[in-house]
Amino acid sequence: MRKERVKINTEFIRLDALLKFAGAAGTGGEAKLAIQGGQVKVNGQPCAMRGKKLRPGDRAELPGLTLVVE
């Protein structure tokens, strides 16, 4: 499993924006489908909310990839 750290300069980042920013999804539509399709976990729990706010220390997991927000 690949692990990437994503540094943000704001208080939080939305889950769909994180997937696009990190390159895990090419478009917002791809991010939406992955999230609503149950392929994404946030901090180990399945998450179907595109607008979920992630703050430093949170993790988003997709098959084969973990994104750690810093």
N, C-alpha and C. Protein backbone atom coordinates (compact mmCIF):
# COMPACT_ATOMS: atom_id res chain seq x y z
N MET A 1 0.84 -1.18 0.00
CA MET A 1 0.00 0.00 0.00
C MET A 1 0.89 1.24 0.00
N ARG A 2 0.54 2.18 -0.87
CA ARG A 2 1.29 3.43 -0.97
C ARG A 2 0.73 4.44 0.04
N LYS A 3 1.61 5.20 0.65
CA LYS A 3 1.21 6.21 1.63
C LYS A 3 1.78 7.55 1.20
N GLU A 4 0.89 8.56 1.15
CA GLU A 4 1.32 9.91 0.77
C GLU A 4 0.90 10.90 1.84
N ARG A 5 1.75 11.87 2.07
CA ARG A 5 1.42 12.95 3.01
C ARG A 5 1.00 14.15 2.18
N VAL A 6 -0.11 14.78 2.57
CA VAL A 6 -0.63 15.94 1.86
C VAL A 6 -0.65 17.11 2.82
N LYS A 7 0.17 18.11 2.53
CA LYS A 7 0.27 19.28 3.40
C LYS A 7 -0.75 20.32 2.94
N ILE A 8 -1.55 20.81 3.89
CA ILE A 8 -2.53 21.85 3.57
C ILE A 8 -2.17 23.12 4.33
N ASN A 9 -2.59 24.25 3.79
CA ASN A 9 -2.31 25.53 4.41
C ASN A 9 -3.57 26.18 4.96
N THR A 10 -4.61 25.41 5.07
CA THR A 10 -5.89 25.89 5.57
C THR A 10 -6.28 25.06 6.79
N GLU A 11 -7.37 25.44 7.44
CA GLU A 11 -7.83 24.72 8.63
C GLU A 11 -8.27 23.30 8.28
N PHE A 12 -8.89 23.14 7.11
CA PHE A 12 -9.38 21.83 6.69
C PHE A 12 -9.40 21.75 5.17
N ILE A 13 -9.62 20.53 4.65
CA ILE A 13 -9.82 20.30 3.22
C ILE A 13 -10.96 19.30 3.09
N ARG A 14 -11.82 19.55 2.11
CA ARG A 14 -12.93 18.62 1.88
C ARG A 14 -12.40 17.33 1.28
N LEU A 15 -13.07 16.23 1.58
CA LEU A 15 -12.62 14.92 1.11
C LEU A 15 -12.50 14.87 -0.41
N ASP A 16 -13.49 15.36 -1.12
CA ASP A 16 -13.41 15.30 -2.58
C ASP A 16 -12.25 16.15 -3.12
N ALA A 17 -12.01 17.29 -2.50
CA ALA A 17 -10.90 18.15 -2.91
C ALA A 17 -9.55 17.49 -2.61
N LEU A 18 -9.47 16.77 -1.50
CA LEU A 18 -8.24 16.06 -1.14
C LEU A 18 -7.91 15.01 -2.20
N LEU A 19 -8.91 14.25 -2.62
CA LEU A 19 -8.67 13.22 -3.63
C LEU A 19 -8.18 13.82 -4.94
N LYS A 20 -8.76 14.95 -5.34
CA LYS A 20 -8.31 15.62 -6.56
C LYS A 20 -6.92 16.20 -6.37
N PHE A 21 -6.68 16.90 -5.27
CA PHE A 21 -5.40 17.55 -4.99
C PHE A 21 -4.25 16.54 -4.96
N ALA A 22 -4.50 15.38 -4.39
CA ALA A 22 -3.46 14.36 -4.26
C ALA A 22 -3.30 13.53 -5.53
N GLY A 23 -4.21 13.72 -6.50
CA GLY A 23 -4.11 12.96 -7.74
C GLY A 23 -4.75 11.59 -7.68
N ALA A 24 -5.49 11.30 -6.60
CA ALA A 24 -6.16 10.01 -6.47
C ALA A 24 -7.40 9.96 -7.35
N ALA A 25 -7.92 11.12 -7.74
CA ALA A 25 -9.05 11.23 -8.66
C ALA A 25 -8.72 12.34 -9.65
N GLY A 26 -9.00 12.09 -10.91
CA GLY A 26 -8.68 13.08 -11.92
C GLY A 26 -9.65 14.25 -11.96
N THR A 27 -10.90 13.98 -11.61
CA THR A 27 -11.93 15.02 -11.64
C THR A 27 -12.79 14.93 -10.39
N GLY A 28 -13.60 15.95 -10.19
CA GLY A 28 -14.54 15.93 -9.08
C GLY A 28 -15.56 14.81 -9.23
N GLY A 29 -15.92 14.52 -10.48
CA GLY A 29 -16.86 13.42 -10.73
C GLY A 29 -16.28 12.08 -10.34
N GLU A 30 -15.00 11.85 -10.63
CA GLU A 30 -14.34 10.61 -10.24
C GLU A 30 -14.28 10.50 -8.71
N ALA A 31 -13.97 11.61 -8.06
CA ALA A 31 -13.91 11.62 -6.60
C ALA A 31 -15.28 11.30 -6.02
N LYS A 32 -16.31 11.91 -6.57
CA LYS A 32 -17.68 11.68 -6.11
C LYS A 32 -18.06 10.20 -6.23
N LEU A 33 -17.76 9.60 -7.38
CA LEU A 33 -18.10 8.20 -7.60
C LEU A 33 -17.36 7.28 -6.63
N ALA A 34 -16.08 7.56 -6.39
CA ALA A 34 -15.30 6.73 -5.47
C ALA A 34 -15.85 6.85 -4.05
N ILE A 35 -16.20 8.06 -3.64
CA ILE A 35 -16.70 8.29 -2.28
C ILE A 35 -18.08 7.64 -2.12
N GLN A 36 -18.98 7.93 -3.04
CA GLN A 36 -20.34 7.39 -2.93
C GLN A 36 -20.38 5.89 -3.19
N GLY A 37 -19.37 5.37 -3.87
CA GLY A 37 -19.29 3.93 -4.14
C GLY A 37 -18.74 3.13 -2.97
N GLY A 38 -18.40 3.81 -1.88
CA GLY A 38 -17.91 3.10 -0.70
C GLY A 38 -16.46 2.69 -0.76
N GLN A 39 -15.69 3.28 -1.67
CA GLN A 39 -14.28 2.92 -1.81
C GLN A 39 -13.36 3.69 -0.88
N VAL A 40 -13.90 4.69 -0.16
CA VAL A 40 -13.07 5.57 0.65
C VAL A 40 -13.38 5.41 2.13
N LYS A 41 -12.33 5.31 2.92
CA LYS A 41 -12.45 5.31 4.38
C LYS A 41 -11.76 6.54 4.92
N VAL A 42 -12.32 7.13 5.97
CA VAL A 42 -11.70 8.25 6.65
C VAL A 42 -11.45 7.81 8.08
N ASN A 43 -10.18 7.85 8.47
CA ASN A 43 -9.77 7.41 9.81
C ASN A 43 -10.29 6.01 10.13
N GLY A 44 -10.24 5.13 9.10
CA GLY A 44 -10.60 3.73 9.29
C GLY A 44 -12.07 3.41 9.17
N GLN A 45 -12.92 4.42 8.98
CA GLN A 45 -14.37 4.20 8.88
C GLN A 45 -14.85 4.54 7.47
N PRO A 46 -15.74 3.72 6.90
CA PRO A 46 -16.28 4.07 5.58
C PRO A 46 -16.93 5.45 5.62
N CYS A 47 -16.72 6.21 4.56
CA CYS A 47 -17.26 7.58 4.52
C CYS A 47 -17.88 7.83 3.15
N ALA A 48 -19.14 8.24 3.14
CA ALA A 48 -19.85 8.52 1.89
C ALA A 48 -20.15 10.01 1.74
N MET A 49 -19.52 10.85 2.58
CA MET A 49 -19.78 12.29 2.54
C MET A 49 -18.67 13.00 1.75
N ARG A 50 -19.02 13.53 0.57
CA ARG A 50 -18.03 14.25 -0.24
C ARG A 50 -17.46 15.45 0.47
N GLY A 51 -18.30 16.14 1.23
CA GLY A 51 -17.88 17.38 1.89
C GLY A 51 -17.27 17.17 3.27
N LYS A 52 -16.95 15.94 3.62
CA LYS A 52 -16.34 15.66 4.92
C LYS A 52 -15.08 16.51 5.07
N LYS A 53 -15.00 17.23 6.19
CA LYS A 53 -13.85 18.10 6.44
C LYS A 53 -12.73 17.29 7.09
N LEU A 54 -11.56 17.31 6.45
CA LEU A 54 -10.40 16.62 6.98
C LEU A 54 -9.41 17.66 7.48
N ARG A 55 -8.91 17.41 8.65
CA ARG A 55 -7.95 18.32 9.28
C ARG A 55 -6.61 17.60 9.44
N PRO A 56 -5.55 18.35 9.72
CA PRO A 56 -4.25 17.69 9.92
C PRO A 56 -4.35 16.54 10.92
N GLY A 57 -3.76 15.41 10.54
CA GLY A 57 -3.81 14.20 11.36
C GLY A 57 -4.83 13.19 10.86
N ASP A 58 -5.76 13.62 10.02
CA ASP A 58 -6.76 12.71 9.47
C ASP A 58 -6.16 11.91 8.32
N ARG A 59 -6.78 10.72 8.08
CA ARG A 59 -6.34 9.85 6.99
C ARG A 59 -7.51 9.51 6.10
N ALA A 60 -7.27 9.47 4.82
CA ALA A 60 -8.24 8.99 3.84
C ALA A 60 -7.61 7.78 3.16
N GLU A 61 -8.35 6.69 3.08
CA GLU A 61 -7.83 5.47 2.50
C GLU A 61 -8.66 5.04 1.31
N LEU A 62 -7.97 4.70 0.24
CA LEU A 62 -8.57 4.12 -0.95
C LEU A 62 -7.84 2.81 -1.19
N PRO A 63 -8.37 1.92 -2.00
CA PRO A 63 -7.64 0.68 -2.27
C PRO A 63 -6.22 0.97 -2.77
N GLY A 64 -5.23 0.54 -2.04
CA GLY A 64 -3.83 0.69 -2.42
C GLY A 64 -3.20 2.04 -2.10
N LEU A 65 -3.95 2.96 -1.45
CA LEU A 65 -3.42 4.29 -1.20
C LEU A 65 -3.95 4.84 0.12
N THR A 66 -3.05 5.40 0.92
CA THR A 66 -3.43 6.11 2.14
C THR A 66 -2.93 7.54 2.02
N LEU A 67 -3.82 8.50 2.25
CA LEU A 67 -3.47 9.92 2.23
C LEU A 67 -3.52 10.43 3.65
N VAL A 68 -2.42 11.02 4.12
CA VAL A 68 -2.35 11.57 5.46
C VAL A 68 -2.30 13.08 5.35
N VAL A 69 -3.26 13.75 5.99
CA VAL A 69 -3.33 15.21 5.93
C VAL A 69 -2.39 15.79 6.98
N GLU A 70 -1.57 16.74 6.56
CA GLU A 70 -0.64 17.41 7.48
C GLU A 70 -0.91 18.89 7.49
